[in-house]
Amino acid sequence: MTAYSHTLGGRTQRFRSLKDLMAKASPKRSGDTLAGIAAKDDEERVLAQMALAEVPLKTFLSEALIPYEQDEVTRLIIDGHDAAAFTPVAHLTVGDFRDWLLSDAADEATLAALAPGLTPEMAAAVSKIMRVQDLILVAQKCRVVTRFRNTIGLKGRLSTRLQPNHPTDDPSGIAAGIVDGLMYGSGDAVIGVNPATDSVAAVITLIHMLDAIITQYEIPAQSCVLTHVTTSIEAINRGAPVDLVFQSIAGTESANAGFGINLRILEEARDAARSLKRGAAGNNVMYFETGQGSALSANAHHDLDQQTCEARAYAVARKFEPLLVNTVVGFIGPEYLYDGGQIVRAGLEDHFCGKLLGVPMGCDICYTNHAEADQNDMDTLLTLLAVAGVTYIMGVPGSDDIMLNYQSTSFHDALYARRVLGLRPAPEFEAWLQNVGVFERGEALRLSETLPRPFQRALSSLA
């Protein structure tokens, strides 16, 4: 195990391993402090960042932060590494890599070709020495396009997940949320419901309900019931019309075991969903959610800092070619991301690392009610992520999820981001919105002044 050090102004700071150096170089966050691995002060953090900048990128290929023999995520990262794709940057240090990423040489095509050659640890390392504007500048150059019934991730587009959760899975309540979201142009990423229960029968009922709405109104969007992956597999086996298969994932084998999954189960789920052949535009069938602190909360972080653990989750996601990946950035709570400043920084880091690794990255811009954050912080993160080219965000009625009891972004927030930056929904969904009269014909963002007739009938039936 290699030790690292850096000297500045007569002070020499030593770090016992690459893992220790990565943790000490991380921008301040409560989770790393809770784990006892954070820098003790800003001076130590700066010294760690300066030492990290001098580390060659290729070091991450020879010094595994979690041993190869102990962790299937490490084995996935090392065994799946594309050496040829890595060649253009193989000679660089972490600091040199930052400079190269910010240069004009790192354009959209170059970054796409590089992605298979990068490991999550490389992405996490360079993010630790970048400013907010650096994270935004590089991320907006990364383009990751995926398809199921529509096309997600194109330049100049911002998609939304329509999240109409209900604490008792009441069909009328869920349907009202869906109609509300559609009338504001939300839902092109996915119409996704977190079920109140994981029973197979209840999940299948919701799957059929979402499918009926999409079919009846001919909506070019996909649905997902965010149940455990094994429940989705069973629903498929029972003939349910599953579009996307959902699963929460983490960056270590032991954390994933806490979720009741491993790589083999995820592969089985992907293959089962693809066998249904329900995608009109493509076969990206997986939907993953992540979040900084998930491995630590399960005591499955192996003394690795939470941001690096999070980046490793994107290697798991990347293997299964998902339609959507979503960092639920402030959901786990202030024990891991204490306040608005830490949540904003984490969201931008996650988006940057995911996009750099070739993952279709979205963000649930959110916080729990006991965090030192408010909706103004979320407006800040929403704006910064939209500038950075985030693939999609959440659309929750009134920003308040009444089933999961946390604060997110609303249908109006998505309209704000689209309007202020001239962003548009997925092209197939945009055309549908114009055809049914949600948007004015020929307009990508102007809402119709009259309620579209299909929704008049839907609201009458709900009343």
Protein backbone atom coordinates (compact mmCIF):
# COMPACT_ATOMS: atom_id res chain seq x y z
CA MET A 1 0.00 0.00 0.00
CA THR A 2 1.56 3.28 -1.15
CA ALA A 3 1.74 6.29 1.17
CA TYR A 4 1.39 9.85 -0.15
CA SER A 5 2.48 13.25 1.12
CA HIS A 6 2.60 16.92 0.22
CA THR A 7 4.62 19.80 1.64
CA LEU A 8 3.46 23.40 1.64
CA GLY A 9 4.80 26.34 3.64
CA GLY A 10 6.98 24.11 5.78
CA ARG A 11 4.14 21.72 6.66
CA THR A 12 4.32 18.16 5.38
CA GLN A 13 1.11 16.18 5.45
CA ARG A 14 1.25 12.41 5.00
CA PHE A 15 -1.59 10.15 3.87
CA ARG A 16 -1.33 6.46 4.60
CA SER A 17 -2.94 5.21 1.38
CA LEU A 18 -4.67 6.29 -1.80
CA LYS A 19 -8.00 5.61 -0.10
CA ASP A 20 -7.02 7.92 2.78
CA LEU A 21 -5.83 10.58 0.34
CA MET A 22 -9.12 10.46 -1.58
CA ALA A 23 -11.13 10.85 1.61
CA LYS A 24 -9.06 13.75 2.91
CA ALA A 25 -9.24 15.51 -0.48
CA SER A 26 -13.05 15.41 -0.60
CA PRO A 27 -14.87 18.70 -0.14
CA LYS A 28 -16.37 18.89 3.35
CA ARG A 29 -19.47 16.82 4.01
CA SER A 30 -21.06 15.46 7.14
CA GLY A 31 -21.03 11.81 6.05
CA ASP A 32 -17.25 11.61 5.81
CA THR A 33 -16.96 13.32 9.18
CA LEU A 34 -19.43 10.81 10.63
CA ALA A 35 -17.30 7.99 9.20
CA GLY A 36 -14.15 9.45 10.78
CA ILE A 37 -12.28 9.69 7.48
CA ALA A 38 -12.60 13.39 6.58
CA ALA A 39 -9.81 15.96 6.69
CA LYS A 40 -9.57 17.49 10.16
CA ASP A 41 -9.46 21.04 8.78
CA ASP A 42 -9.35 23.02 5.54
CA GLU A 43 -5.57 23.11 5.50
CA GLU A 44 -5.32 19.33 5.54
CA ARG A 45 -7.99 19.16 2.83
CA VAL A 46 -6.04 21.53 0.56
CA LEU A 47 -2.82 19.61 1.11
CA ALA A 48 -4.63 16.40 0.22
CA GLN A 49 -6.05 17.95 -2.94
CA MET A 50 -2.59 19.14 -3.97
CA ALA A 51 -1.14 15.68 -3.33
CA LEU A 52 -4.01 14.06 -5.24
CA ALA A 53 -3.38 16.33 -8.23
CA GLU A 54 0.10 14.79 -8.54
CA VAL A 55 -1.12 11.17 -8.64
CA PRO A 56 -0.90 9.53 -12.11
CA LEU A 57 -4.27 8.37 -13.43
CA LYS A 58 -2.87 4.92 -14.13
CA THR A 59 -2.31 4.47 -10.38
CA PHE A 60 -6.02 3.76 -10.02
CA LEU A 61 -5.59 0.68 -12.24
CA SER A 62 -2.95 -0.85 -9.96
CA GLU A 63 -4.09 0.26 -6.48
CA ALA A 64 -7.67 -0.86 -5.89
CA LEU A 65 -9.43 1.14 -3.16
CA ILE A 66 -11.44 -1.97 -2.25
CA PRO A 67 -9.51 -5.25 -2.84
CA TYR A 68 -10.27 -7.10 -6.07
CA GLU A 69 -10.77 -10.38 -4.23
CA GLN A 70 -13.34 -8.93 -1.81
CA ASP A 71 -15.67 -6.95 -4.03
CA GLU A 72 -17.46 -7.73 -7.29
CA VAL A 73 -17.83 -4.03 -8.11
CA THR A 74 -14.04 -3.69 -8.03
CA ARG A 75 -13.77 -6.74 -10.29
CA LEU A 76 -16.32 -5.21 -12.66
CA ILE A 77 -14.34 -1.96 -12.81
CA ILE A 78 -10.95 -3.59 -13.38
CA ASP A 79 -12.07 -6.39 -15.71
CA GLY A 80 -14.25 -4.05 -17.78
CA HIS A 81 -11.64 -1.35 -18.22
CA ASP A 82 -11.04 -0.39 -21.87
CA ALA A 83 -7.28 0.13 -22.11
CA ALA A 84 -7.43 1.40 -25.68
CA ALA A 85 -9.99 4.08 -24.80
CA PHE A 86 -7.80 5.13 -21.86
CA THR A 87 -4.67 5.59 -23.97
CA PRO A 88 -5.15 9.32 -24.82
CA VAL A 89 -5.00 10.28 -21.13
CA ALA A 90 -2.91 7.40 -19.73
CA HIS A 91 0.15 9.64 -19.29
CA LEU A 92 -1.67 12.31 -17.27
CA THR A 93 -1.79 13.01 -13.56
CA VAL A 94 -5.11 13.86 -11.89
CA GLY A 95 -4.22 17.55 -12.08
CA ASP A 96 -3.21 17.32 -15.75
CA PHE A 97 -6.45 15.48 -16.44
CA ARG A 98 -8.44 18.36 -14.95
CA ASP A 99 -6.65 20.83 -17.19
CA TRP A 100 -7.24 18.64 -20.25
CA LEU A 101 -10.94 18.24 -19.47
CA LEU A 102 -11.33 22.00 -19.33
CA SER A 103 -9.53 22.49 -22.66
CA ASP A 104 -11.10 22.65 -26.10
CA ALA A 105 -9.39 19.35 -26.93
CA ALA A 106 -11.94 17.58 -24.72
CA ASP A 107 -14.98 17.96 -26.94
CA GLU A 108 -18.18 15.93 -27.08
CA ALA A 109 -16.88 13.21 -29.39
CA THR A 110 -13.56 12.88 -27.57
CA LEU A 111 -15.24 12.57 -24.17
CA ALA A 112 -17.67 9.95 -25.45
CA ALA A 113 -14.80 7.87 -26.80
CA LEU A 114 -12.88 8.26 -23.54
CA ALA A 115 -15.68 7.17 -21.20
CA PRO A 116 -15.06 3.38 -21.35
CA GLY A 117 -11.42 4.00 -20.48
CA LEU A 118 -12.17 5.84 -17.25
CA THR A 119 -12.73 4.21 -13.89
CA PRO A 120 -15.06 5.73 -11.30
CA GLU A 121 -12.10 6.40 -9.03
CA MET A 122 -10.46 8.52 -11.73
CA ALA A 123 -13.65 10.54 -12.19
CA ALA A 124 -14.08 10.96 -8.44
CA ALA A 125 -10.46 12.01 -8.00
CA VAL A 126 -10.54 14.74 -10.61
CA SER A 127 -13.89 16.03 -9.34
CA LYS A 128 -12.33 16.60 -5.89
CA ILE A 129 -9.93 19.22 -7.28
CA MET A 130 -12.51 21.00 -9.44
CA ARG A 131 -14.53 24.12 -8.72
CA VAL A 132 -18.28 24.25 -9.29
CA GLN A 133 -17.81 25.98 -12.64
CA ASP A 134 -15.35 23.26 -13.70
CA LEU A 135 -17.88 20.54 -12.95
CA ILE A 136 -20.49 22.40 -14.99
CA LEU A 137 -18.25 23.21 -17.96
CA VAL A 138 -17.09 19.63 -18.45
CA ALA A 139 -20.45 17.99 -17.80
CA GLN A 140 -22.21 20.13 -20.39
CA LYS A 141 -19.75 18.82 -23.02
CA CYS A 142 -20.72 15.20 -22.25
CA ARG A 143 -23.60 13.75 -24.24
CA VAL A 144 -25.23 10.43 -23.27
CA VAL A 145 -28.29 9.52 -25.37
CA THR A 146 -30.66 6.65 -24.51
CA ARG A 147 -33.94 5.40 -25.94
CA PHE A 148 -37.06 3.43 -25.07
CA ARG A 149 -40.29 5.03 -26.38
CA ASN A 150 -38.58 8.36 -26.84
CA THR A 151 -35.07 9.78 -26.98
CA ILE A 152 -33.46 11.07 -23.79
CA GLY A 153 -30.31 13.16 -23.44
CA LEU A 154 -30.12 15.08 -26.70
CA LYS A 155 -28.44 18.48 -26.69
CA GLY A 156 -30.83 21.29 -25.82
CA ARG A 157 -33.30 18.95 -24.12
CA LEU A 158 -34.35 18.57 -20.48
CA SER A 159 -36.58 15.66 -19.55
CA THR A 160 -38.60 15.06 -16.40
CA ARG A 161 -39.76 12.12 -14.36
CA LEU A 162 -43.43 12.54 -13.52
CA GLN A 163 -43.65 11.29 -9.91
CA PRO A 164 -47.32 11.02 -8.84
CA ASN A 165 -46.81 9.06 -5.59
CA HIS A 166 -49.68 8.43 -3.19
CA PRO A 167 -49.41 7.16 0.42
CA THR A 168 -52.04 4.45 -0.14
CA ASP A 169 -51.52 3.85 -3.89
CA ASP A 170 -54.98 5.26 -4.49
CA PRO A 171 -55.61 5.03 -8.27
CA SER A 172 -57.53 8.32 -8.40
CA GLY A 173 -54.80 10.16 -6.51
CA ILE A 174 -52.09 8.76 -8.77
CA ALA A 175 -54.12 9.49 -11.91
CA ALA A 176 -54.72 13.08 -10.78
CA GLY A 177 -50.98 13.56 -10.32
CA ILE A 178 -50.29 12.13 -13.77
CA VAL A 179 -52.83 14.39 -15.49
CA ASP A 180 -51.48 17.41 -13.57
CA GLY A 181 -47.93 16.62 -14.67
CA LEU A 182 -48.81 15.98 -18.28
CA MET A 183 -50.61 19.33 -18.48
CA TYR A 184 -47.32 21.03 -17.57
CA GLY A 185 -45.24 19.01 -20.03
CA SER A 186 -43.72 16.57 -17.52
CA GLY A 187 -43.21 12.84 -17.94
CA ASP A 188 -40.93 12.31 -20.93
CA ALA A 189 -38.17 10.63 -18.91
CA VAL A 190 -40.60 8.28 -17.19
CA ILE A 191 -43.95 8.22 -15.46
CA GLY A 192 -42.68 6.57 -12.30
CA VAL A 193 -44.57 5.59 -9.15
CA ASN A 194 -42.99 4.58 -5.84
CA PRO A 195 -45.47 2.01 -4.54
CA ALA A 196 -46.60 2.10 -0.92
CA THR A 197 -46.29 -1.69 -0.80
CA ASP A 198 -43.97 -4.14 -2.51
CA SER A 199 -46.53 -6.92 -2.88
CA VAL A 200 -46.44 -8.43 -6.36
CA ALA A 201 -50.21 -8.13 -6.80
CA ALA A 202 -50.26 -4.44 -5.85
CA VAL A 203 -47.29 -3.69 -8.10
CA ILE A 204 -48.91 -5.46 -11.05
CA THR A 205 -52.08 -3.43 -10.53
CA LEU A 206 -50.06 -0.21 -10.76
CA ILE A 207 -48.16 -1.45 -13.82
CA HIS A 208 -51.43 -2.15 -15.64
CA MET A 209 -52.81 1.25 -14.62
CA LEU A 210 -49.81 3.15 -15.99
CA ASP A 211 -49.81 1.08 -19.16
CA ALA A 212 -53.52 1.80 -19.72
CA ILE A 213 -52.96 5.56 -19.43
CA ILE A 214 -49.99 5.53 -21.81
CA THR A 215 -51.89 3.34 -24.28
CA GLN A 216 -55.17 5.26 -24.12
CA TYR A 217 -53.58 8.64 -24.75
CA GLU A 218 -50.81 7.27 -27.03
CA ILE A 219 -48.12 8.94 -24.93
CA PRO A 220 -44.57 8.43 -26.26
CA ALA A 221 -43.18 7.87 -22.77
CA GLN A 222 -42.29 4.93 -20.56
CA SER A 223 -43.64 3.88 -17.18
CA CYS A 224 -42.00 2.36 -14.14
CA VAL A 225 -43.19 1.10 -10.77
CA LEU A 226 -40.18 1.57 -8.50
CA THR A 227 -40.36 -1.74 -6.70
CA HIS A 228 -37.53 -4.12 -5.87
CA VAL A 229 -35.93 -5.68 -8.91
CA THR A 230 -36.97 -9.20 -7.91
CA THR A 231 -40.60 -8.05 -7.71
CA SER A 232 -40.32 -6.65 -11.23
CA ILE A 233 -38.90 -9.97 -12.45
CA GLU A 234 -41.84 -11.80 -10.89
CA ALA A 235 -44.28 -9.32 -12.44
CA ILE A 236 -42.72 -9.98 -15.85
CA ASN A 237 -43.01 -13.71 -15.27
CA ARG A 238 -46.72 -13.19 -14.56
CA GLY A 239 -47.23 -11.35 -17.84
CA ALA A 240 -47.31 -7.75 -16.58
CA PRO A 241 -46.58 -5.04 -19.21
CA VAL A 242 -43.34 -3.79 -17.64
CA ASP A 243 -41.52 -0.97 -19.42
CA LEU A 244 -38.57 -0.13 -17.17
CA VAL A 245 -37.09 -2.17 -14.32
CA PHE A 246 -36.02 -0.12 -11.32
CA GLN A 247 -33.41 -0.72 -8.65
CA SER A 248 -31.43 1.28 -6.10
CA ILE A 249 -27.73 0.49 -6.46
CA ALA A 250 -24.53 1.33 -4.61
CA GLY A 251 -20.80 1.27 -5.20
CA THR A 252 -19.77 -1.76 -3.15
CA GLU A 253 -20.75 -5.42 -3.24
CA SER A 254 -21.70 -5.37 0.43
CA ALA A 255 -23.91 -2.27 0.04
CA ASN A 256 -25.67 -3.87 -2.90
CA ALA A 257 -26.16 -7.02 -0.81
CA GLY A 258 -27.94 -4.77 1.68
CA PHE A 259 -30.31 -3.84 -1.16
CA GLY A 260 -30.82 -7.55 -1.81
CA ILE A 261 -29.08 -7.52 -5.19
CA ASN A 262 -25.91 -8.45 -7.03
CA LEU A 263 -24.73 -8.15 -10.62
CA ARG A 264 -26.25 -11.48 -11.60
CA ILE A 265 -29.73 -10.43 -10.45
CA LEU A 266 -29.48 -7.12 -12.33
CA GLU A 267 -28.46 -8.98 -15.48
CA GLU A 268 -31.45 -11.31 -15.11
CA ALA A 269 -33.77 -8.32 -14.75
CA ARG A 270 -32.36 -6.51 -17.78
CA ASP A 271 -32.70 -9.60 -19.95
CA ALA A 272 -36.26 -10.22 -18.74
CA ALA A 273 -37.34 -6.66 -19.54
CA ARG A 274 -35.67 -6.71 -22.95
CA SER A 275 -37.44 -9.95 -23.80
CA LEU A 276 -40.76 -8.07 -23.74
CA LYS A 277 -39.59 -5.80 -26.59
CA ARG A 278 -41.84 -2.93 -25.52
CA GLY A 279 -39.54 -0.07 -26.54
CA ALA A 280 -40.52 1.66 -29.78
CA ALA A 281 -37.30 3.69 -30.06
CA GLY A 282 -34.71 1.53 -28.27
CA ASN A 283 -34.01 -1.15 -25.67
CA ASN A 284 -32.56 0.77 -22.71
CA VAL A 285 -34.79 -0.83 -20.07
CA MET A 286 -33.14 -0.17 -16.69
CA TYR A 287 -33.73 2.68 -14.27
CA PHE A 288 -31.24 3.05 -11.40
CA GLU A 289 -31.19 5.37 -8.41
CA THR A 290 -28.18 6.17 -6.25
CA GLY A 291 -27.16 8.63 -3.56
CA GLN A 292 -24.10 9.70 -1.61
CA GLY A 293 -24.13 8.04 1.80
CA SER A 294 -25.97 4.84 0.89
CA ALA A 295 -22.93 2.61 1.46
CA LEU A 296 -21.99 4.40 4.68
CA SER A 297 -25.53 4.12 6.03
CA ALA A 298 -25.26 0.34 5.58
CA ASN A 299 -21.76 0.23 7.12
CA ALA A 300 -20.63 -1.11 3.74
CA HIS A 301 -18.27 1.67 2.64
CA HIS A 302 -14.94 -0.03 3.46
CA ASP A 303 -13.64 3.31 4.85
CA LEU A 304 -14.04 4.84 1.40
CA ASP A 305 -15.37 8.39 1.14
CA GLN A 306 -19.01 8.64 0.17
CA GLN A 307 -18.48 10.52 -3.08
CA THR A 308 -16.06 7.89 -4.41
CA CYS A 309 -18.50 5.16 -3.34
CA GLU A 310 -21.19 6.99 -5.28
CA ALA A 311 -19.05 7.19 -8.43
CA ARG A 312 -18.45 3.43 -8.20
CA ALA A 313 -22.21 2.91 -8.38
CA TYR A 314 -22.09 4.42 -11.86
CA ALA A 315 -19.84 1.56 -12.98
CA VAL A 316 -22.61 -0.82 -11.92
CA ALA A 317 -25.15 1.25 -13.83
CA ARG A 318 -22.97 1.55 -16.92
CA LYS A 319 -22.72 -2.21 -17.32
CA PHE A 320 -26.48 -2.57 -17.84
CA GLU A 321 -26.99 0.27 -20.37
CA PRO A 322 -29.81 2.01 -18.47
CA LEU A 323 -32.30 4.48 -19.87
CA LEU A 324 -32.02 6.58 -16.71
CA VAL A 325 -29.74 6.97 -13.70
CA ASN A 326 -30.75 9.29 -10.90
CA THR A 327 -28.80 10.56 -7.94
CA VAL A 328 -31.37 11.27 -5.21
CA VAL A 329 -28.95 13.76 -3.88
CA GLY A 330 -30.38 15.00 -0.57
CA PHE A 331 -32.75 12.16 0.25
CA ILE A 332 -30.68 10.24 2.79
CA GLY A 333 -30.47 13.20 5.15
CA PRO A 334 -28.20 15.70 6.91
CA GLU A 335 -26.11 12.95 8.50
CA TYR A 336 -24.53 12.56 5.04
CA LEU A 337 -25.09 15.94 3.35
CA TYR A 338 -25.66 18.46 6.09
CA ASP A 339 -26.93 21.59 4.37
CA GLY A 340 -27.79 23.26 1.10
CA GLY A 341 -24.17 23.95 0.24
CA GLN A 342 -23.15 20.31 0.63
CA ILE A 343 -26.21 19.14 -1.34
CA VAL A 344 -25.48 21.55 -4.21
CA ARG A 345 -21.85 20.47 -4.44
CA ALA A 346 -22.75 16.76 -4.25
CA GLY A 347 -25.36 17.05 -6.98
CA LEU A 348 -22.90 18.69 -9.35
CA GLU A 349 -20.20 16.12 -8.52
CA ASP A 350 -22.56 13.22 -9.13
CA HIS A 351 -23.76 14.63 -12.44
CA PHE A 352 -20.21 15.33 -13.60
CA CYS A 353 -18.90 11.86 -12.67
CA GLY A 354 -21.88 10.06 -14.17
CA LYS A 355 -21.72 11.90 -17.46
CA LEU A 356 -17.94 11.54 -17.68
CA LEU A 357 -18.33 7.77 -17.25
CA GLY A 358 -20.97 7.59 -20.00
CA VAL A 359 -24.05 7.29 -17.80
CA PRO A 360 -27.39 9.05 -18.63
CA MET A 361 -27.38 11.13 -15.45
CA GLY A 362 -30.36 12.82 -13.89
CA CYS A 363 -30.85 14.28 -10.44
CA ASP A 364 -33.62 14.31 -7.87
CA ILE A 365 -32.91 17.80 -6.56
CA CYS A 366 -34.18 17.22 -3.05
CA TYR A 367 -33.78 17.47 0.70
CA THR A 368 -35.39 16.05 3.81
CA ASN A 369 -37.29 18.26 6.20
CA HIS A 370 -34.64 17.94 8.94
CA ALA A 371 -31.77 19.11 6.70
CA GLU A 372 -30.36 22.64 6.86
CA ALA A 373 -31.67 23.37 3.36
CA ASP A 374 -34.68 24.94 1.71
CA GLN A 375 -36.28 25.40 -1.69
CA ASN A 376 -33.97 28.31 -2.52
CA ASP A 377 -31.03 25.90 -2.33
CA MET A 378 -32.90 23.59 -4.67
CA ASP A 379 -33.51 26.45 -7.12
CA THR A 380 -29.77 27.05 -7.13
CA LEU A 381 -28.93 23.41 -7.80
CA LEU A 382 -31.70 23.12 -10.41
CA THR A 383 -30.34 26.10 -12.32
CA LEU A 384 -26.73 24.93 -12.15
CA LEU A 385 -27.60 21.39 -13.25
CA ALA A 386 -29.75 22.65 -16.11
CA VAL A 387 -26.81 24.75 -17.31
CA ALA A 388 -24.60 21.65 -16.94
CA GLY A 389 -26.88 19.67 -19.24
CA VAL A 390 -28.54 17.35 -16.73
CA THR A 391 -30.50 14.63 -18.51
CA TYR A 392 -33.63 14.88 -16.39
CA ILE A 393 -35.08 16.07 -13.09
CA MET A 394 -38.14 15.21 -11.00
CA GLY A 395 -41.64 16.57 -11.42
CA VAL A 396 -43.52 16.16 -8.13
CA PRO A 397 -46.92 17.80 -7.48
CA GLY A 398 -46.16 20.94 -5.48
CA SER A 399 -42.54 19.76 -4.93
CA ASP A 400 -43.81 17.81 -1.89
CA ASP A 401 -43.83 14.02 -2.11
CA ILE A 402 -46.68 13.05 0.21
CA MET A 403 -45.71 9.37 0.21
CA LEU A 404 -41.93 9.56 0.68
CA ASN A 405 -42.13 12.72 2.83
CA TYR A 406 -39.35 14.78 1.29
CA GLN A 407 -39.05 17.93 -0.80
CA SER A 408 -38.13 17.80 -4.49
CA THR A 409 -38.84 19.82 -7.65
CA SER A 410 -42.23 20.53 -9.16
CA PHE A 411 -43.79 20.61 -12.62
CA HIS A 412 -43.44 24.42 -12.47
CA ASP A 413 -39.74 24.11 -11.65
CA ALA A 414 -39.18 22.09 -14.80
CA LEU A 415 -41.03 24.72 -16.84
CA TYR A 416 -38.82 27.41 -15.28
CA ALA A 417 -35.60 25.60 -16.22
CA ARG A 418 -36.79 24.93 -19.75
CA ARG A 419 -37.94 28.49 -20.31
CA VAL A 420 -34.96 30.34 -18.85
CA LEU A 421 -32.45 28.22 -20.80
CA GLY A 422 -34.51 27.44 -23.91
CA LEU A 423 -34.53 23.70 -23.21
CA ARG A 424 -37.18 21.39 -24.62
CA PRO A 425 -38.65 17.97 -23.81
CA ALA A 426 -37.69 14.79 -25.66
CA PRO A 427 -38.60 15.31 -29.34
CA GLU A 428 -41.24 12.58 -29.56
CA PHE A 429 -42.87 13.80 -26.35
CA GLU A 430 -42.72 17.43 -27.46
CA ALA A 431 -44.57 16.55 -30.67
CA TRP A 432 -47.24 14.73 -28.65
CA LEU A 433 -47.67 17.70 -26.30
CA GLN A 434 -48.31 19.93 -29.30
CA ASN A 435 -50.63 17.46 -31.01
CA VAL A 436 -52.90 17.03 -27.98
CA GLY A 437 -52.86 20.75 -27.16
CA VAL A 438 -50.77 20.92 -23.99
CA PHE A 439 -48.33 23.21 -25.79
CA GLU A 440 -49.40 25.68 -28.44
CA ARG A 441 -48.78 24.31 -31.92
CA GLY A 442 -45.36 25.29 -33.18
CA GLU A 443 -44.30 26.23 -29.66
CA ALA A 444 -41.99 24.08 -27.57
CA LEU A 445 -42.66 25.75 -24.22
CA ARG A 446 -45.85 27.84 -24.36
CA LEU A 447 -48.72 26.18 -22.53
CA SER A 448 -52.12 26.20 -24.21
CA GLU A 449 -54.63 28.60 -22.69
CA THR A 450 -57.38 25.99 -22.90
CA LEU A 451 -57.44 22.60 -21.20
CA PRO A 452 -56.82 19.85 -23.79
CA ARG A 453 -59.93 17.78 -24.44
CA PRO A 454 -58.44 14.41 -23.38
CA PHE A 455 -57.61 15.90 -19.99
CA GLN A 456 -61.06 17.46 -19.66
CA ARG A 457 -62.51 13.96 -19.88
CA ALA A 458 -59.87 12.53 -17.53
CA LEU A 459 -60.48 15.17 -14.85
CA SER A 460 -64.25 14.73 -15.17
CA SER A 461 -63.88 11.00 -14.52
CA LEU A 462 -61.66 11.65 -11.49
CA ALA A 463 -64.19 14.12 -10.08
